């Protein structure tokens, strides 16, 4: 992850070692601060190995979080916290359950 500089509209850049699912990158990643989600534009580059977030307004100095849903997967179907796309014969639930994780970063 490459954090932007304060008072700029530089993109927050997150790199991946292998291509990720384009549609999921568009939908399952976001940026927040202590006040909630930050508005901006998402871009996918470098053959789906780079996620870019450009804020609508210039970055303010402070603490932020890269927030993502654990449903994110690479092109082979591998998920976070699960090395391979395995059928574990889990009981099907009647409701959709989402789980998010976050990575902190600071803008200076």
N, C-alpha and C. Protein backbone atom coordinates (compact mmCIF):
# COMPACT_ATOMS: atom_id res chain seq x y z
N UNK A 1 0.85 -1.16 0.00
CA UNK A 1 0.00 0.00 0.00
C UNK A 1 0.90 1.23 0.00
N UNK A 2 0.55 2.20 -0.84
CA UNK A 2 1.30 3.43 -0.94
C UNK A 2 0.38 4.58 -0.55
N UNK A 3 0.60 5.15 0.65
CA UNK A 3 -0.26 6.22 1.17
C UNK A 3 0.04 7.54 0.46
N UNK A 4 -0.99 8.32 0.19
CA UNK A 4 -0.81 9.62 -0.45
C UNK A 4 -0.34 10.68 0.55
N UNK A 5 -0.04 11.87 0.04
CA UNK A 5 0.38 12.99 0.89
C UNK A 5 -0.82 13.88 1.19
N UNK A 6 -0.82 14.50 2.36
CA UNK A 6 -1.88 15.42 2.76
C UNK A 6 -1.93 16.61 1.81
N UNK A 7 -3.12 17.18 1.69
CA UNK A 7 -3.38 18.36 0.86
C UNK A 7 -3.21 18.10 -0.64
N UNK A 8 -3.22 16.82 -1.03
CA UNK A 8 -3.16 16.45 -2.45
C UNK A 8 -4.37 15.58 -2.77
N UNK A 9 -4.57 15.34 -4.04
CA UNK A 9 -5.60 14.39 -4.49
C UNK A 9 -4.93 13.16 -5.10
N UNK A 10 -3.72 12.86 -4.63
CA UNK A 10 -3.00 11.68 -5.09
C UNK A 10 -3.82 10.44 -4.76
N UNK A 11 -3.65 9.40 -5.53
CA UNK A 11 -4.37 8.15 -5.28
C UNK A 11 -3.69 7.34 -4.19
N UNK A 12 -4.51 6.68 -3.38
CA UNK A 12 -4.03 5.62 -2.49
C UNK A 12 -3.87 4.41 -3.41
N UNK A 13 -2.71 3.79 -3.39
CA UNK A 13 -2.43 2.68 -4.30
C UNK A 13 -2.17 1.42 -3.50
N UNK A 14 -2.89 0.35 -3.86
CA UNK A 14 -2.71 -0.96 -3.24
C UNK A 14 -2.31 -1.94 -4.33
N UNK A 15 -1.17 -2.59 -4.15
CA UNK A 15 -0.68 -3.54 -5.14
C UNK A 15 -0.88 -4.97 -4.70
N UNK A 16 -1.09 -5.85 -5.66
CA UNK A 16 -1.27 -7.28 -5.41
C UNK A 16 -0.24 -8.06 -6.22
N UNK A 17 0.27 -9.18 -5.70
CA UNK A 17 1.28 -9.94 -6.43
C UNK A 17 0.74 -10.64 -7.67
N UNK A 18 -0.58 -10.89 -7.69
CA UNK A 18 -1.22 -11.57 -8.83
C UNK A 18 -2.53 -10.87 -9.15
N UNK A 19 -3.05 -11.04 -10.36
CA UNK A 19 -4.32 -10.40 -10.72
C UNK A 19 -5.45 -10.82 -9.79
N UNK A 20 -6.31 -9.83 -9.50
CA UNK A 20 -7.48 -10.06 -8.67
C UNK A 20 -8.73 -9.97 -9.53
N UNK A 21 -9.87 -10.32 -8.96
CA UNK A 21 -11.15 -10.25 -9.66
C UNK A 21 -11.54 -8.78 -9.83
N UNK A 22 -11.64 -8.31 -11.07
CA UNK A 22 -11.90 -6.90 -11.37
C UNK A 22 -13.19 -6.40 -10.73
N UNK A 23 -14.27 -7.13 -10.91
CA UNK A 23 -15.57 -6.69 -10.39
C UNK A 23 -15.56 -6.62 -8.86
N UNK A 24 -14.93 -7.57 -8.21
CA UNK A 24 -14.87 -7.55 -6.75
C UNK A 24 -14.01 -6.40 -6.24
N UNK A 25 -12.92 -6.09 -6.94
CA UNK A 25 -12.09 -4.95 -6.54
C UNK A 25 -12.89 -3.65 -6.61
N UNK A 26 -13.76 -3.53 -7.60
CA UNK A 26 -14.59 -2.34 -7.76
C UNK A 26 -15.59 -2.20 -6.62
N UNK A 27 -16.09 -3.34 -6.12
CA UNK A 27 -17.21 -3.34 -5.20
C UNK A 27 -16.85 -3.55 -3.74
N UNK A 28 -15.77 -4.26 -3.43
CA UNK A 28 -15.51 -4.70 -2.06
C UNK A 28 -14.42 -3.95 -1.32
N UNK A 29 -13.84 -2.92 -1.92
CA UNK A 29 -12.81 -2.12 -1.27
C UNK A 29 -13.31 -0.70 -1.07
N UNK A 30 -12.87 -0.07 0.00
CA UNK A 30 -13.21 1.32 0.25
C UNK A 30 -12.25 1.94 1.25
N UNK A 31 -12.41 3.23 1.49
CA UNK A 31 -11.56 3.97 2.41
C UNK A 31 -12.45 4.71 3.40
N UNK A 32 -12.05 4.69 4.66
CA UNK A 32 -12.81 5.43 5.67
C UNK A 32 -11.85 6.15 6.63
N UNK A 33 -12.42 7.11 7.35
CA UNK A 33 -11.70 7.78 8.42
C UNK A 33 -12.59 7.71 9.65
N UNK A 34 -12.31 8.50 10.66
CA UNK A 34 -13.09 8.43 11.90
C UNK A 34 -14.53 8.90 11.71
N UNK A 35 -14.81 9.60 10.60
CA UNK A 35 -16.16 10.10 10.35
C UNK A 35 -16.97 9.20 9.42
N UNK A 36 -16.36 8.18 8.85
CA UNK A 36 -17.07 7.28 7.93
C UNK A 36 -16.35 7.13 6.61
N UNK A 37 -17.12 6.70 5.60
CA UNK A 37 -16.54 6.44 4.28
C UNK A 37 -16.12 7.73 3.60
N UNK A 38 -15.03 7.64 2.84
CA UNK A 38 -14.51 8.76 2.07
C UNK A 38 -15.02 8.60 0.63
N UNK A 39 -15.58 9.68 0.07
CA UNK A 39 -16.05 9.66 -1.31
C UNK A 39 -14.87 9.79 -2.26
N UNK A 40 -14.93 9.03 -3.36
CA UNK A 40 -13.86 9.11 -4.34
C UNK A 40 -14.09 8.17 -5.49
N UNK A 41 -13.09 8.05 -6.32
CA UNK A 41 -13.16 7.23 -7.52
C UNK A 41 -12.20 6.06 -7.40
N UNK A 42 -12.67 4.88 -7.79
CA UNK A 42 -11.85 3.67 -7.77
C UNK A 42 -11.38 3.37 -9.18
N UNK A 43 -10.12 3.01 -9.30
CA UNK A 43 -9.56 2.59 -10.57
C UNK A 43 -8.78 1.30 -10.40
N UNK A 44 -8.81 0.47 -11.42
CA UNK A 44 -8.07 -0.79 -11.41
C UNK A 44 -7.04 -0.69 -12.54
N UNK A 45 -5.79 -1.01 -12.23
CA UNK A 45 -4.72 -0.84 -13.22
C UNK A 45 -3.76 -2.04 -13.20
N UNK A 46 -2.81 -1.96 -14.10
CA UNK A 46 -1.72 -2.95 -14.19
C UNK A 46 -2.24 -4.38 -14.23
N UNK A 47 -3.19 -4.62 -15.14
CA UNK A 47 -3.75 -5.95 -15.36
C UNK A 47 -4.33 -6.54 -14.09
N UNK A 48 -5.13 -5.74 -13.40
CA UNK A 48 -5.83 -6.12 -12.16
C UNK A 48 -4.91 -6.45 -10.99
N UNK A 49 -3.68 -5.90 -11.00
CA UNK A 49 -2.78 -6.10 -9.86
C UNK A 49 -2.64 -4.82 -9.03
N UNK A 50 -3.41 -3.78 -9.38
CA UNK A 50 -3.31 -2.53 -8.66
C UNK A 50 -4.70 -1.91 -8.49
N UNK A 51 -5.03 -1.57 -7.24
CA UNK A 51 -6.28 -0.87 -6.90
C UNK A 51 -5.91 0.54 -6.52
N UNK A 52 -6.63 1.52 -7.08
CA UNK A 52 -6.32 2.93 -6.84
C UNK A 52 -7.58 3.64 -6.38
N UNK A 53 -7.44 4.46 -5.33
CA UNK A 53 -8.55 5.27 -4.83
C UNK A 53 -8.14 6.73 -4.84
N UNK A 54 -8.88 7.52 -5.61
CA UNK A 54 -8.63 8.96 -5.68
C UNK A 54 -9.79 9.67 -4.98
N UNK A 55 -9.51 10.42 -3.92
CA UNK A 55 -10.58 11.05 -3.16
C UNK A 55 -11.24 12.20 -3.94
N UNK A 56 -12.49 12.45 -3.64
CA UNK A 56 -13.21 13.56 -4.28
C UNK A 56 -12.62 14.90 -3.84
N UNK A 57 -12.19 14.98 -2.57
CA UNK A 57 -11.56 16.19 -2.03
C UNK A 57 -10.14 15.83 -1.59
N UNK A 58 -9.25 16.81 -1.54
CA UNK A 58 -7.87 16.53 -1.12
C UNK A 58 -7.80 15.83 0.25
N UNK A 59 -6.80 14.98 0.39
CA UNK A 59 -6.58 14.27 1.65
C UNK A 59 -6.28 15.26 2.77
N UNK A 60 -6.82 14.99 3.93
CA UNK A 60 -6.46 15.74 5.14
C UNK A 60 -5.49 14.86 5.92
N UNK A 61 -4.56 15.48 6.61
CA UNK A 61 -3.63 14.71 7.44
C UNK A 61 -4.42 13.95 8.50
N UNK A 62 -4.03 12.70 8.75
CA UNK A 62 -4.71 11.92 9.78
C UNK A 62 -4.69 10.44 9.50
N UNK A 63 -5.47 9.72 10.31
CA UNK A 63 -5.54 8.26 10.24
C UNK A 63 -6.72 7.83 9.38
N UNK A 64 -6.47 6.83 8.54
CA UNK A 64 -7.49 6.27 7.64
C UNK A 64 -7.44 4.75 7.71
N UNK A 65 -8.45 4.13 7.10
CA UNK A 65 -8.51 2.68 7.02
C UNK A 65 -8.83 2.28 5.59
N UNK A 66 -8.11 1.30 5.07
CA UNK A 66 -8.50 0.61 3.85
C UNK A 66 -9.42 -0.51 4.31
N UNK A 67 -10.67 -0.47 3.91
CA UNK A 67 -11.67 -1.44 4.37
C UNK A 67 -12.03 -2.34 3.20
N UNK A 68 -12.05 -3.65 3.45
CA UNK A 68 -12.40 -4.58 2.38
C UNK A 68 -13.19 -5.76 2.93
N UNK A 69 -14.05 -6.27 2.11
CA UNK A 69 -14.88 -7.42 2.44
C UNK A 69 -14.03 -8.68 2.25
N UNK A 70 -14.14 -9.64 3.14
CA UNK A 70 -13.34 -10.86 3.04
C UNK A 70 -13.78 -11.76 1.89
N UNK A 71 -14.84 -11.38 1.18
CA UNK A 71 -15.27 -12.14 0.00
C UNK A 71 -14.34 -11.88 -1.20
N UNK A 72 -13.40 -10.92 -1.05
CA UNK A 72 -12.48 -10.64 -2.16
C UNK A 72 -11.70 -11.89 -2.50
N UNK A 73 -11.50 -12.11 -3.79
CA UNK A 73 -10.76 -13.30 -4.21
C UNK A 73 -9.94 -13.00 -5.45
N UNK A 74 -8.92 -13.86 -5.65
CA UNK A 74 -8.12 -13.73 -6.86
C UNK A 74 -8.83 -14.48 -7.99
N UNK A 75 -8.20 -14.53 -9.16
CA UNK A 75 -8.84 -15.15 -10.31
C UNK A 75 -9.02 -16.66 -10.18
N UNK A 76 -8.29 -17.27 -9.23
CA UNK A 76 -8.43 -18.71 -8.99
C UNK A 76 -9.48 -19.02 -7.92
N UNK A 77 -10.06 -17.99 -7.34
CA UNK A 77 -11.09 -18.20 -6.32
C UNK A 77 -10.54 -18.29 -4.91
N UNK A 78 -9.26 -17.99 -4.70
CA UNK A 78 -8.68 -18.01 -3.36
C UNK A 78 -9.17 -16.80 -2.57
N UNK A 79 -9.54 -17.04 -1.31
CA UNK A 79 -10.07 -16.00 -0.45
C UNK A 79 -9.08 -15.64 0.66
N UNK A 80 -9.28 -14.48 1.27
CA UNK A 80 -8.48 -14.08 2.43
C UNK A 80 -8.74 -15.06 3.57
N UNK A 81 -7.67 -15.54 4.18
CA UNK A 81 -7.81 -16.45 5.31
C UNK A 81 -8.12 -17.89 4.91
N UNK A 82 -8.15 -18.16 3.62
CA UNK A 82 -8.43 -19.51 3.14
C UNK A 82 -7.54 -19.72 1.92
N UNK A 83 -6.55 -20.58 2.04
CA UNK A 83 -5.54 -20.72 1.00
C UNK A 83 -6.10 -21.17 -0.35
N UNK A 84 -7.10 -22.04 -0.33
CA UNK A 84 -7.66 -22.54 -1.59
C UNK A 84 -9.17 -22.49 -1.52
N UNK A 85 -9.79 -22.47 -2.68
CA UNK A 85 -11.24 -22.43 -2.76
C UNK A 85 -11.76 -23.86 -2.53
N UNK A 86 -11.98 -24.19 -1.27
CA UNK A 86 -12.39 -25.54 -0.90
C UNK A 86 -13.85 -25.60 -0.52
N UNK A 87 -14.49 -26.70 -0.81
CA UNK A 87 -15.86 -26.93 -0.35
C UNK A 87 -15.74 -27.61 1.00
N UNK A 88 -16.11 -26.88 2.05
CA UNK A 88 -15.96 -27.41 3.40
C UNK A 88 -17.25 -28.04 3.91
N UNK A 89 -18.24 -28.19 3.05
CA UNK A 89 -19.52 -28.79 3.42
C UNK A 89 -20.14 -28.07 4.62
N UNK A 90 -20.07 -26.73 4.57
CA UNK A 90 -20.66 -25.95 5.64
C UNK A 90 -22.16 -25.83 5.43
N UNK A 91 -22.86 -25.71 6.53
CA UNK A 91 -24.30 -25.56 6.47
C UNK A 91 -24.64 -24.21 5.81
N UNK A 92 -25.60 -24.24 4.92
CA UNK A 92 -26.02 -23.03 4.23
C UNK A 92 -26.88 -22.20 5.18
N UNK A 93 -26.58 -20.91 5.26
CA UNK A 93 -27.37 -20.03 6.11
C UNK A 93 -28.46 -19.36 5.27
N UNK A 94 -29.49 -18.89 5.94
CA UNK A 94 -30.60 -18.25 5.24
C UNK A 94 -30.39 -16.77 5.04
N UNK A 95 -29.33 -16.23 5.58
CA UNK A 95 -29.04 -14.82 5.40
C UNK A 95 -27.61 -14.65 4.90
N UNK A 96 -27.41 -13.56 4.19
CA UNK A 96 -26.08 -13.25 3.69
C UNK A 96 -25.28 -12.62 4.81
N UNK A 97 -24.10 -13.18 5.05
CA UNK A 97 -23.23 -12.66 6.10
C UNK A 97 -21.99 -12.06 5.45
N UNK A 98 -21.68 -10.84 5.83
CA UNK A 98 -20.47 -10.21 5.30
C UNK A 98 -19.52 -9.93 6.46
N UNK A 99 -18.26 -10.01 6.15
CA UNK A 99 -17.24 -9.73 7.15
C UNK A 99 -16.21 -8.82 6.48
N UNK A 100 -15.85 -7.78 7.18
CA UNK A 100 -14.85 -6.88 6.64
C UNK A 100 -13.59 -6.89 7.50
N UNK A 101 -12.52 -6.52 6.88
CA UNK A 101 -11.24 -6.33 7.56
C UNK A 101 -10.74 -4.95 7.16
N UNK A 102 -9.77 -4.44 7.90
CA UNK A 102 -9.23 -3.14 7.53
C UNK A 102 -7.72 -3.09 7.80
N UNK A 103 -7.08 -2.25 7.03
CA UNK A 103 -5.66 -1.98 7.20
C UNK A 103 -5.50 -0.48 7.43
N UNK A 104 -4.86 -0.10 8.53
CA UNK A 104 -4.70 1.33 8.79
C UNK A 104 -3.58 1.94 7.94
N UNK A 105 -3.73 3.22 7.63
CA UNK A 105 -2.65 3.98 7.02
C UNK A 105 -2.80 5.44 7.42
N UNK A 106 -1.69 6.14 7.40
CA UNK A 106 -1.67 7.55 7.79
C UNK A 106 -1.33 8.43 6.61
N UNK A 107 -1.98 9.57 6.58
CA UNK A 107 -1.68 10.59 5.57
C UNK A 107 -0.98 11.72 6.29
N UNK A 108 0.21 12.10 5.79
CA UNK A 108 1.02 13.16 6.41
C UNK A 108 1.18 14.31 5.45
